[in-house]
Amino acid sequence: ITAHVNFDDLMAGAGDAGWDRGEVRPLGSFLALHGAFDLLPAAVASGGVLKPDEWATFAAARRLLLPSGMGSDLKVLAQGRGAAWSSFCEMQTPPPIEA
């Protein structure tokens, strides 16, 4: 399900409720920051040959991560508060350059 979302209103509402504001990110960037590359078949990283069933996983990942797919069209806004939010923020480290 997709929807047109007014992120400015969501961020303002969260701020009014005492939540920390996240930032709006492209879907591909958000997924990359949170381990999407770890879900790819091992052959992708090693340059090996993909098995037939691995091609579907690879194709789905490309659609979600790359700007030519949904990676830049769809956006993600994460907001929160408390210990869980702090832990989430600490996890947000950029993927390696070669990713």
PDB file of N, CA and C in Angstrom:
ATOM      1  N   ILE A   1       0.849  -1.159   0.000  1.00  0.00           N
ATOM      2  CA  ILE A   1       0.000   0.000   0.000  1.00  0.00           C
ATOM      3  C   ILE A   1       0.900   1.230   0.000  1.00  0.00           C
ATOM      4  N   THR A   2       0.598   2.148  -0.865  1.00  0.00           N
ATOM      5  CA  THR A   2       1.315   3.420  -0.872  1.00  0.00           C
ATOM      6  C   THR A   2       0.302   4.540  -0.674  1.00  0.00           C
ATOM      7  N   ALA A   3       0.774   5.661  -0.229  1.00  0.00           N
ATOM      8  CA  ALA A   3      -0.101   6.809   0.002  1.00  0.00           C
ATOM      9  C   ALA A   3       0.715   8.081  -0.135  1.00  0.00           C
ATOM     10  N   HIS A   4       0.027   9.149  -0.463  1.00  0.00           N
ATOM     11  CA  HIS A   4       0.671  10.455  -0.436  1.00  0.00           C
ATOM     12  C   HIS A   4       0.666  10.907   1.021  1.00  0.00           C
ATOM     13  N   VAL A   5       1.820  11.239   1.530  1.00  0.00           N
ATOM     14  CA  VAL A   5       1.966  11.544   2.949  1.00  0.00           C
ATOM     15  C   VAL A   5       2.539  12.944   3.116  1.00  0.00           C
ATOM     16  N   ASN A   6       1.970  13.700   4.023  1.00  0.00           N
ATOM     17  CA  ASN A   6       2.502  15.012   4.358  1.00  0.00           C
ATOM     18  C   ASN A   6       3.493  14.816   5.506  1.00  0.00           C
ATOM     19  N   PHE A   7       4.753  14.637   5.154  1.00  0.00           N
ATOM     20  CA  PHE A   7       5.781  14.371   6.155  1.00  0.00           C
ATOM     21  C   PHE A   7       5.971  15.547   7.110  1.00  0.00           C
ATOM     22  N   ASP A   8       5.766  16.766   6.619  1.00  0.00           N
ATOM     23  CA  ASP A   8       5.913  17.935   7.494  1.00  0.00           C
ATOM     24  C   ASP A   8       4.924  17.872   8.658  1.00  0.00           C
ATOM     25  N   ASP A   9       3.665  17.514   8.365  1.00  0.00           N
ATOM     26  CA  ASP A   9       2.667  17.401   9.432  1.00  0.00           C
ATOM     27  C   ASP A   9       3.001  16.263  10.390  1.00  0.00           C
ATOM     28  N   LEU A  10       3.485  15.144   9.857  1.00  0.00           N
ATOM     29  CA  LEU A  10       3.868  14.022  10.720  1.00  0.00           C
ATOM     30  C   LEU A  10       5.001  14.411  11.663  1.00  0.00           C
ATOM     31  N   MET A  11       6.000  15.098  11.134  1.00  0.00           N
ATOM     32  CA  MET A  11       7.126  15.514  11.973  1.00  0.00           C
ATOM     33  C   MET A  11       6.682  16.533  13.022  1.00  0.00           C
ATOM     34  N   ALA A  12       5.816  17.468  12.624  1.00  0.00           N
ATOM     35  CA  ALA A  12       5.330  18.467  13.577  1.00  0.00           C
ATOM     36  C   ALA A  12       4.504  17.802  14.679  1.00  0.00           C
ATOM     37  N   GLY A  13       3.646  16.872  14.301  1.00  0.00           N
ATOM     38  CA  GLY A  13       2.828  16.171  15.288  1.00  0.00           C
ATOM     39  C   GLY A  13       3.666  15.362  16.257  1.00  0.00           C
ATOM     40  N   ALA A  14       4.681  14.713  15.742  1.00  0.00           N
ATOM     41  CA  ALA A  14       5.571  13.932  16.605  1.00  0.00           C
ATOM     42  C   ALA A  14       6.314  14.851  17.570  1.00  0.00           C
ATOM     43  N   GLY A  15       6.767  15.988  17.069  1.00  0.00           N
ATOM     44  CA  GLY A  15       7.456  16.950  17.935  1.00  0.00           C
ATOM     45  C   GLY A  15       6.538  17.465  19.032  1.00  0.00           C
ATOM     46  N   ASP A  16       5.279  17.733  18.677  1.00  0.00           N
ATOM     47  CA  ASP A  16       4.304  18.200  19.671  1.00  0.00           C
ATOM     48  C   ASP A  16       4.030  17.140  20.735  1.00  0.00           C
ATOM     49  N   ALA A  17       4.162  15.861  20.365  1.00  0.00           N
ATOM     50  CA  ALA A  17       3.909  14.755  21.300  1.00  0.00           C
ATOM     51  C   ALA A  17       5.153  14.367  22.096  1.00  0.00           C
ATOM     52  N   GLY A  18       6.259  15.100  21.875  1.00  0.00           N
ATOM     53  CA  GLY A  18       7.480  14.816  22.625  1.00  0.00           C
ATOM     54  C   GLY A  18       8.372  13.761  21.997  1.00  0.00           C
ATOM     55  N   TRP A  19       8.101  13.418  20.754  1.00  0.00           N
ATOM     56  CA  TRP A  19       8.933  12.435  20.058  1.00  0.00           C
ATOM     57  C   TRP A  19      10.088  13.150  19.368  1.00  0.00           C
ATOM     58  N   ASP A  20      11.172  12.413  19.173  1.00  0.00           N
ATOM     59  CA  ASP A  20      12.294  12.932  18.399  1.00  0.00           C
ATOM     60  C   ASP A  20      11.963  12.784  16.925  1.00  0.00           C
ATOM     61  N   ARG A  21      12.308  13.808  16.194  1.00  0.00           N
ATOM     62  CA  ARG A  21      12.052  13.772  14.757  1.00  0.00           C
ATOM     63  C   ARG A  21      13.131  12.976  14.052  1.00  0.00           C
ATOM     64  N   GLY A  22      12.701  12.133  13.161  1.00  0.00           N
ATOM     65  CA  GLY A  22      13.636  11.454  12.283  1.00  0.00           C
ATOM     66  C   GLY A  22      13.820  12.310  11.050  1.00  0.00           C
ATOM     67  N   GLU A  23      14.422  11.746  10.055  1.00  0.00           N
ATOM     68  CA  GLU A  23      14.531  12.468   8.795  1.00  0.00           C
ATOM     69  C   GLU A  23      13.915  11.619   7.701  1.00  0.00           C
ATOM     70  N   VAL A  24      13.388  12.294   6.702  1.00  0.00           N
ATOM     71  CA  VAL A  24      12.805  11.600   5.562  1.00  0.00           C
ATOM     72  C   VAL A  24      13.950  11.100   4.701  1.00  0.00           C
ATOM     73  N   ARG A  25      13.940   9.810   4.421  1.00  0.00           N
ATOM     74  CA  ARG A  25      14.995   9.197   3.603  1.00  0.00           C
ATOM     75  C   ARG A  25      14.365   8.457   2.434  1.00  0.00           C
ATOM     76  N   PRO A  26      15.095   8.345   1.335  1.00  0.00           N
ATOM     77  CA  PRO A  26      14.645   7.458   0.266  1.00  0.00           C
ATOM     78  C   PRO A  26      14.622   6.010   0.776  1.00  0.00           C
ATOM     79  N   LEU A  27      13.681   5.229   0.284  1.00  0.00           N
ATOM     80  CA  LEU A  27      13.539   3.838   0.714  1.00  0.00           C
ATOM     81  C   LEU A  27      14.838   3.059   0.557  1.00  0.00           C
ATOM     82  N   GLY A  28      15.514   3.203  -0.574  1.00  0.00           N
ATOM     83  CA  GLY A  28      16.752   2.457  -0.816  1.00  0.00           C
ATOM     84  C   GLY A  28      17.818   2.764   0.216  1.00  0.00           C
ATOM     85  N   SER A  29      17.962   4.029   0.552  1.00  0.00           N
ATOM     86  CA  SER A  29      18.942   4.434   1.562  1.00  0.00           C
ATOM     87  C   SER A  29      18.575   3.866   2.928  1.00  0.00           C
ATOM     88  N   PHE A  30      17.303   3.955   3.295  1.00  0.00           N
ATOM     89  CA  PHE A  30      16.847   3.434   4.581  1.00  0.00           C
ATOM     90  C   PHE A  30      17.112   1.930   4.686  1.00  0.00           C
ATOM     91  N   LEU A  31      16.759   1.189   3.646  1.00  0.00           N
ATOM     92  CA  LEU A  31      16.969  -0.265   3.680  1.00  0.00           C
ATOM     93  C   LEU A  31      18.453  -0.609   3.730  1.00  0.00           C
ATOM     94  N   ALA A  32      19.272   0.138   2.985  1.00  0.00           N
ATOM     95  CA  ALA A  32      20.717  -0.118   2.995  1.00  0.00           C
ATOM     96  C   ALA A  32      21.308   0.131   4.380  1.00  0.00           C
ATOM     97  N   LEU A  33      20.847   1.185   5.040  1.00  0.00           N
ATOM     98  CA  LEU A  33      21.340   1.495   6.382  1.00  0.00           C
ATOM     99  C   LEU A  33      20.951   0.436   7.412  1.00  0.00           C
ATOM    100  N   HIS A  34      19.923  -0.317   7.111  1.00  0.00           N
ATOM    101  CA  HIS A  34      19.399  -1.272   8.087  1.00  0.00           C
ATOM    102  C   HIS A  34      19.541  -2.723   7.652  1.00  0.00           C
ATOM    103  N   GLY A  35      20.584  -3.005   6.890  1.00  0.00           N
ATOM    104  CA  GLY A  35      20.965  -4.390   6.662  1.00  0.00           C
ATOM    105  C   GLY A  35      20.418  -5.088   5.442  1.00  0.00           C
ATOM    106  N   ALA A  36      19.850  -4.365   4.498  1.00  0.00           N
ATOM    107  CA  ALA A  36      19.287  -5.028   3.323  1.00  0.00           C
ATOM    108  C   ALA A  36      20.335  -5.813   2.541  1.00  0.00           C
ATOM    109  N   PHE A  37      21.563  -5.324   2.517  1.00  0.00           N
ATOM    110  CA  PHE A  37      22.601  -6.027   1.758  1.00  0.00           C
ATOM    111  C   PHE A  37      22.914  -7.389   2.361  1.00  0.00           C
ATOM    112  N   ASP A  38      22.687  -7.538   3.660  1.00  0.00           N
ATOM    113  CA  ASP A  38      22.930  -8.826   4.317  1.00  0.00           C
ATOM    114  C   ASP A  38      21.951  -9.900   3.856  1.00  0.00           C
ATOM    115  N   LEU A  39      20.839  -9.496   3.272  1.00  0.00           N
ATOM    116  CA  LEU A  39      19.825 -10.446   2.826  1.00  0.00           C
ATOM    117  C   LEU A  39      20.042 -10.925   1.398  1.00  0.00           C
ATOM    118  N   LEU A  40      20.992 -10.319   0.711  1.00  0.00           N
ATOM    119  CA  LEU A  40      21.274 -10.731  -0.664  1.00  0.00           C
ATOM    120  C   LEU A  40      21.961 -12.089  -0.682  1.00  0.00           C
ATOM    121  N   PRO A  41      21.761 -12.845  -1.755  1.00  0.00           N
ATOM    122  CA  PRO A  41      22.476 -14.120  -1.871  1.00  0.00           C
ATOM    123  C   PRO A  41      23.987 -13.896  -1.790  1.00  0.00           C
ATOM    124  N   ALA A  42      24.691 -14.825  -1.178  1.00  0.00           N
ATOM    125  CA  ALA A  42      26.143 -14.701  -0.986  1.00  0.00           C
ATOM    126  C   ALA A  42      26.884 -14.538  -2.303  1.00  0.00           C
ATOM    127  N   ALA A  43      26.367 -15.117  -3.360  1.00  0.00           N
ATOM    128  CA  ALA A  43      27.038 -15.044  -4.661  1.00  0.00           C
ATOM    129  C   ALA A  43      27.113 -13.611  -5.185  1.00  0.00           C
ATOM    130  N   VAL A  44      26.218 -12.748  -4.748  1.00  0.00           N
ATOM    131  CA  VAL A  44      26.250 -11.354  -5.200  1.00  0.00           C
ATOM    132  C   VAL A  44      27.537 -10.686  -4.718  1.00  0.00           C
ATOM    133  N   ALA A  45      27.871 -10.852  -3.456  1.00  0.00           N
ATOM    134  CA  ALA A  45      29.071 -10.227  -2.888  1.00  0.00           C
ATOM    135  C   ALA A  45      30.349 -10.837  -3.431  1.00  0.00           C
ATOM    136  N   SER A  46      30.325 -12.134  -3.693  1.00  0.00           N
ATOM    137  CA  SER A  46      31.542 -12.810  -4.137  1.00  0.00           C
ATOM    138  C   SER A  46      31.726 -12.772  -5.644  1.00  0.00           C
ATOM    139  N   GLY A  47      30.727 -12.284  -6.361  1.00  0.00           N
ATOM    140  CA  GLY A  47      30.817 -12.268  -7.818  1.00  0.00           C
ATOM    141  C   GLY A  47      30.564 -13.629  -8.434  1.00  0.00           C
ATOM    142  N   GLY A  48      30.002 -14.531  -7.647  1.00  0.00           N
ATOM    143  CA  GLY A  48      29.724 -15.880  -8.125  1.00  0.00           C
ATOM    144  C   GLY A  48      28.467 -15.937  -8.977  1.00  0.00           C
ATOM    145  N   VAL A  49      28.134 -17.131  -9.379  1.00  0.00           N
ATOM    146  CA  VAL A  49      26.964 -17.370 -10.220  1.00  0.00           C
ATOM    147  C   VAL A  49      25.744 -17.571  -9.320  1.00  0.00           C
ATOM    148  N   LEU A  50      24.675 -16.875  -9.650  1.00  0.00           N
ATOM    149  CA  LEU A  50      23.445 -17.022  -8.880  1.00  0.00           C
ATOM    150  C   LEU A  50      22.686 -18.268  -9.319  1.00  0.00           C
ATOM    151  N   LYS A  51      22.092 -18.945  -8.353  1.00  0.00           N
ATOM    152  CA  LYS A  51      21.208 -20.073  -8.646  1.00  0.00           C
ATOM    153  C   LYS A  51      19.882 -19.501  -9.139  1.00  0.00           C
ATOM    154  N   PRO A  52      19.108 -20.298  -9.868  1.00  0.00           N
ATOM    155  CA  PRO A  52      17.841 -19.769 -10.392  1.00  0.00           C
ATOM    156  C   PRO A  52      16.936 -19.149  -9.324  1.00  0.00           C
ATOM    157  N   ASP A  53      16.819 -19.773  -8.158  1.00  0.00           N
ATOM    158  CA  ASP A  53      15.946 -19.216  -7.119  1.00  0.00           C
ATOM    159  C   ASP A  53      16.522 -17.950  -6.489  1.00  0.00           C
ATOM    160  N   GLU A  54      17.818 -17.737  -6.605  1.00  0.00           N
ATOM    161  CA  GLU A  54      18.442 -16.531  -6.048  1.00  0.00           C
ATOM    162  C   GLU A  54      18.202 -15.304  -6.928  1.00  0.00           C
ATOM    163  N   TRP A  55      17.915 -15.539  -8.208  1.00  0.00           N
ATOM    164  CA  TRP A  55      17.667 -14.411  -9.103  1.00  0.00           C
ATOM    165  C   TRP A  55      16.437 -13.613  -8.672  1.00  0.00           C
ATOM    166  N   ALA A  56      15.414 -14.287  -8.168  1.00  0.00           N
ATOM    167  CA  ALA A  56      14.208 -13.580  -7.722  1.00  0.00           C
ATOM    168  C   ALA A  56      14.523 -12.672  -6.537  1.00  0.00           C
ATOM    169  N   THR A  57      15.314 -13.167  -5.599  1.00  0.00           N
ATOM    170  CA  THR A  57      15.716 -12.360  -4.444  1.00  0.00           C
ATOM    171  C   THR A  57      16.527 -11.159  -4.900  1.00  0.00           C
ATOM    172  N   PHE A  58      17.455 -11.393  -5.806  1.00  0.00           N
ATOM    173  CA  PHE A  58      18.303 -10.323  -6.322  1.00  0.00           C
ATOM    174  C   PHE A  58      17.468  -9.271  -7.058  1.00  0.00           C
ATOM    175  N   ALA A  59      16.530  -9.717  -7.884  1.00  0.00           N
ATOM    176  CA  ALA A  59      15.688  -8.787  -8.641  1.00  0.00           C
ATOM    177  C   ALA A  59      14.810  -7.951  -7.707  1.00  0.00           C
ATOM    178  N   ALA A  60      14.258  -8.584  -6.676  1.00  0.00           N
ATOM    179  CA  ALA A  60      13.425  -7.848  -5.719  1.00  0.00           C
ATOM    180  C   ALA A  60      14.253  -6.802  -4.972  1.00  0.00           C
ATOM    181  N   ALA A  61      15.466  -7.165  -4.586  1.00  0.00           N
ATOM    182  CA  ALA A  61      16.344  -6.223  -3.888  1.00  0.00           C
ATOM    183  C   ALA A  61      16.682  -5.039  -4.785  1.00  0.00           C
ATOM    184  N   ARG A  62      16.952  -5.305  -6.041  1.00  0.00           N
ATOM    185  CA  ARG A  62      17.248  -4.215  -6.983  1.00  0.00           C
ATOM    186  C   ARG A  62      16.072  -3.246  -7.077  1.00  0.00           C
ATOM    187  N   ARG A  63      14.854  -3.796  -7.169  1.00  0.00           N
ATOM    188  CA  ARG A  63      13.667  -2.933  -7.259  1.00  0.00           C
ATOM    189  C   ARG A  63      13.525  -2.051  -6.023  1.00  0.00           C
ATOM    190  N   LEU A  64      13.844  -2.595  -4.863  1.00  0.00           N
ATOM    191  CA  LEU A  64      13.676  -1.841  -3.623  1.00  0.00           C
ATOM    192  C   LEU A  64      14.809  -0.862  -3.344  1.00  0.00           C
ATOM    193  N   LEU A  65      16.028  -1.197  -3.760  1.00  0.00           N
ATOM    194  CA  LEU A  65      17.204  -0.417  -3.378  1.00  0.00           C
ATOM    195  C   LEU A  65      17.644   0.623  -4.398  1.00  0.00           C
ATOM    196  N   LEU A  66      17.551   0.301  -5.663  1.00  0.00           N
ATOM    197  CA  LEU A  66      18.127   1.186  -6.679  1.00  0.00           C
ATOM    198  C   LEU A  66      17.220   2.368  -7.012  1.00  0.00           C
ATOM    199  N   PRO A  67      17.820   3.520  -7.305  1.00  0.00           N
ATOM    200  CA  PRO A  67      17.033   4.689  -7.697  1.00  0.00           C
ATOM    201  C   PRO A  67      16.178   4.440  -8.943  1.00  0.00           C
ATOM    202  N   SER A  68      16.605   3.542  -9.814  1.00  0.00           N
ATOM    203  CA  SER A  68      15.823   3.251 -11.010  1.00  0.00           C
ATOM    204  C   SER A  68      14.580   2.422 -10.693  1.00  0.00           C
ATOM    205  N   GLY A  69      14.512   1.864  -9.496  1.00  0.00           N
ATOM    206  CA  GLY A  69      13.329   1.135  -9.042  1.00  0.00           C
ATOM    207  C   GLY A  69      12.562   2.005  -8.056  1.00  0.00           C
ATOM    208  N   MET A  70      12.244   1.447  -6.908  1.00  0.00           N
ATOM    209  CA  MET A  70      11.515   2.196  -5.880  1.00  0.00           C
ATOM    210  C   MET A  70      12.446   2.880  -4.889  1.00  0.00           C
ATOM    211  N   GLY A  71      13.747   2.676  -5.045  1.00  0.00           N
ATOM    212  CA  GLY A  71      14.716   3.157  -4.070  1.00  0.00           C
ATOM    213  C   GLY A  71      14.713   4.640  -3.822  1.00  0.00           C
ATOM    214  N   SER A  72      14.328   5.436  -4.823  1.00  0.00           N
ATOM    215  CA  SER A  72      14.279   6.885  -4.614  1.00  0.00           C
ATOM    216  C   SER A  72      12.856   7.429  -4.697  1.00  0.00           C
ATOM    217  N   ASP A  73      11.941   6.676  -5.292  1.00  0.00           N
ATOM    218  CA  ASP A  73      10.559   7.150  -5.418  1.00  0.00           C
ATOM    219  C   ASP A  73       9.817   7.130  -4.085  1.00  0.00           C
ATOM    220  N   LEU A  74      10.036   6.082  -3.296  1.00  0.00           N
ATOM    221  CA  LEU A  74       9.339   5.939  -2.021  1.00  0.00           C
ATOM    222  C   LEU A  74      10.210   6.470  -0.892  1.00  0.00           C
ATOM    223  N   LYS A  75       9.576   7.050   0.097  1.00  0.00           N
ATOM    224  CA  LYS A  75      10.297   7.656   1.220  1.00  0.00           C
ATOM    225  C   LYS A  75       9.902   6.978   2.529  1.00  0.00           C
ATOM    226  N   VAL A  76      10.794   7.080   3.507  1.00  0.00           N
ATOM    227  CA  VAL A  76      10.586   6.509   4.839  1.00  0.00           C
ATOM    228  C   VAL A  76      10.829   7.604   5.871  1.00  0.00           C
ATOM    229  N   LEU A  77       9.967   7.655   6.868  1.00  0.00           N
ATOM    230  CA  LEU A  77      10.156   8.550   8.001  1.00  0.00           C
ATOM    231  C   LEU A  77      10.055   7.709   9.264  1.00  0.00           C
ATOM    232  N   ALA A  78      11.129   7.647  10.012  1.00  0.00           N
ATOM    233  CA  ALA A  78      11.122   6.941  11.294  1.00  0.00           C
ATOM    234  C   ALA A  78      11.214   7.985  12.397  1.00  0.00           C
ATOM    235  N   GLN A  79      10.371   7.855  13.408  1.00  0.00           N
ATOM    236  CA  GLN A  79      10.368   8.766  14.549  1.00  0.00           C
ATOM    237  C   GLN A  79      10.181   7.946  15.814  1.00  0.00           C
ATOM    238  N   GLY A  80      10.574   8.479  16.940  1.00  0.00           N
ATOM    239  CA  GLY A  80      10.393   7.718  18.168  1.00  0.00           C
ATOM    240  C   GLY A  80      10.835   8.482  19.390  1.00  0.00           C
ATOM    241  N   ARG A  81      10.901   7.743  20.492  1.00  0.00           N
ATOM    242  CA  ARG A  81      11.370   8.335  21.746  1.00  0.00           C
ATOM    243  C   ARG A  81      11.823   7.209  22.667  1.00  0.00           C
ATOM    244  N   GLY A  82      12.564   7.575  23.685  1.00  0.00           N
ATOM    245  CA  GLY A  82      12.982   6.615  24.691  1.00  0.00           C
ATOM    246  C   GLY A  82      14.141   5.733  24.263  1.00  0.00           C
ATOM    247  N   ALA A  83      14.337   4.657  25.017  1.00  0.00           N
ATOM    248  CA  ALA A  83      15.483   3.768  24.809  1.00  0.00           C
ATOM    249  C   ALA A  83      15.441   3.077  23.451  1.00  0.00           C
ATOM    250  N   ALA A  84      14.256   2.657  23.029  1.00  0.00           N
ATOM    251  CA  ALA A  84      14.153   1.981  21.733  1.00  0.00           C
ATOM    252  C   ALA A  84      14.568   2.919  20.607  1.00  0.00           C
ATOM    253  N   TRP A  85      14.143   4.172  20.675  1.00  0.00           N
ATOM    254  CA  TRP A  85      14.509   5.150  19.649  1.00  0.00           C
ATOM    255  C   TRP A  85      16.013   5.409  19.660  1.00  0.00           C
ATOM    256  N   SER A  86      16.596   5.516  20.841  1.00  0.00           N
ATOM    257  CA  SER A  86      18.044   5.725  20.944  1.00  0.00           C
ATOM    258  C   SER A  86      18.803   4.569  20.311  1.00  0.00           C
ATOM    259  N   SER A  87      18.352   3.354  20.558  1.00  0.00           N
ATOM    260  CA  SER A  87      18.995   2.179  19.956  1.00  0.00           C
ATOM    261  C   SER A  87      18.863   2.207  18.446  1.00  0.00           C
ATOM    262  N   PHE A  88      17.680   2.569  17.963  1.00  0.00           N
ATOM    263  CA  PHE A  88      17.459   2.657  16.524  1.00  0.00           C
ATOM    264  C   PHE A  88      18.413   3.673  15.902  1.00  0.00           C
ATOM    265  N   CYS A  89      18.555   4.837  16.525  1.00  0.00           N
ATOM    266  CA  CYS A  89      19.432   5.881  15.986  1.00  0.00           C
ATOM    267  C   CYS A  89      20.888   5.429  15.948  1.00  0.00           C
ATOM    268  N   GLU A  90      21.308   4.656  16.938  1.00  0.00           N
ATOM    269  CA  GLU A  90      22.685   4.159  16.961  1.00  0.00           C
ATOM    270  C   GLU A  90      22.953   3.165  15.836  1.00  0.00           C
ATOM    271  N   MET A  91      21.918   2.488  15.357  1.00  0.00           N
ATOM    272  CA  MET A  91      22.081   1.500  14.282  1.00  0.00           C
ATOM    273  C   MET A  91      22.286   2.156  12.925  1.00  0.00           C
ATOM    274  N   GLN A  92      21.976   3.413  12.796  1.00  0.00           N
ATOM    275  CA  GLN A  92      22.004   4.071  11.502  1.00  0.00           C
ATOM    276  C   GLN A  92      23.423   4.455  11.113  1.00  0.00           C
ATOM    277  N   THR A  93      24.162   3.499  10.637  1.00  0.00           N
ATOM    278  CA  THR A  93      25.504   3.756  10.131  1.00  0.00           C
ATOM    279  C   THR A  93      25.499   3.528   8.632  1.00  0.00           C
ATOM    280  N   PRO A  94      26.194   4.340   7.895  1.00  0.00           N
ATOM    281  CA  PRO A  94      26.194   4.186   6.443  1.00  0.00           C
ATOM    282  C   PRO A  94      26.747   2.829   6.012  1.00  0.00           C
ATOM    283  N   PRO A  95      26.233   2.312   4.885  1.00  0.00           N
ATOM    284  CA  PRO A  95      26.786   1.067   4.362  1.00  0.00           C
ATOM    285  C   PRO A  95      28.198   1.300   3.844  1.00  0.00           C
ATOM    286  N   PRO A  96      28.969   0.228   3.664  1.00  0.00           N
ATOM    287  CA  PRO A  96      30.325   0.405   3.138  1.00  0.00           C
ATOM    288  C   PRO A  96      30.302   1.036   1.750  1.00  0.00           C
ATOM    289  N   ILE A  97      31.374   1.708   1.408  1.00  0.00           N
ATOM    290  CA  ILE A  97      31.492   2.392   0.115  1.00  0.00           C
ATOM    291  C   ILE A  97      31.223   1.446  -1.045  1.00  0.00           C
ATOM    292  N   GLU A  98      31.700   0.212  -0.951  1.00  0.00           N
ATOM    293  CA  GLU A  98      31.566  -0.711  -2.078  1.00  0.00           C
ATOM    294  C   GLU A  98      30.162  -1.273  -2.211  1.00  0.00           C
ATOM    295  N   ALA A  99      29.263  -0.954  -1.303  1.00  0.00           N
ATOM    296  CA  ALA A  99      27.898  -1.508  -1.350  1.00  0.00           C
ATOM    297  C   ALA A  99      27.104  -0.898  -2.481  1.00  0.00           C
TER     298      ALA A  99
END
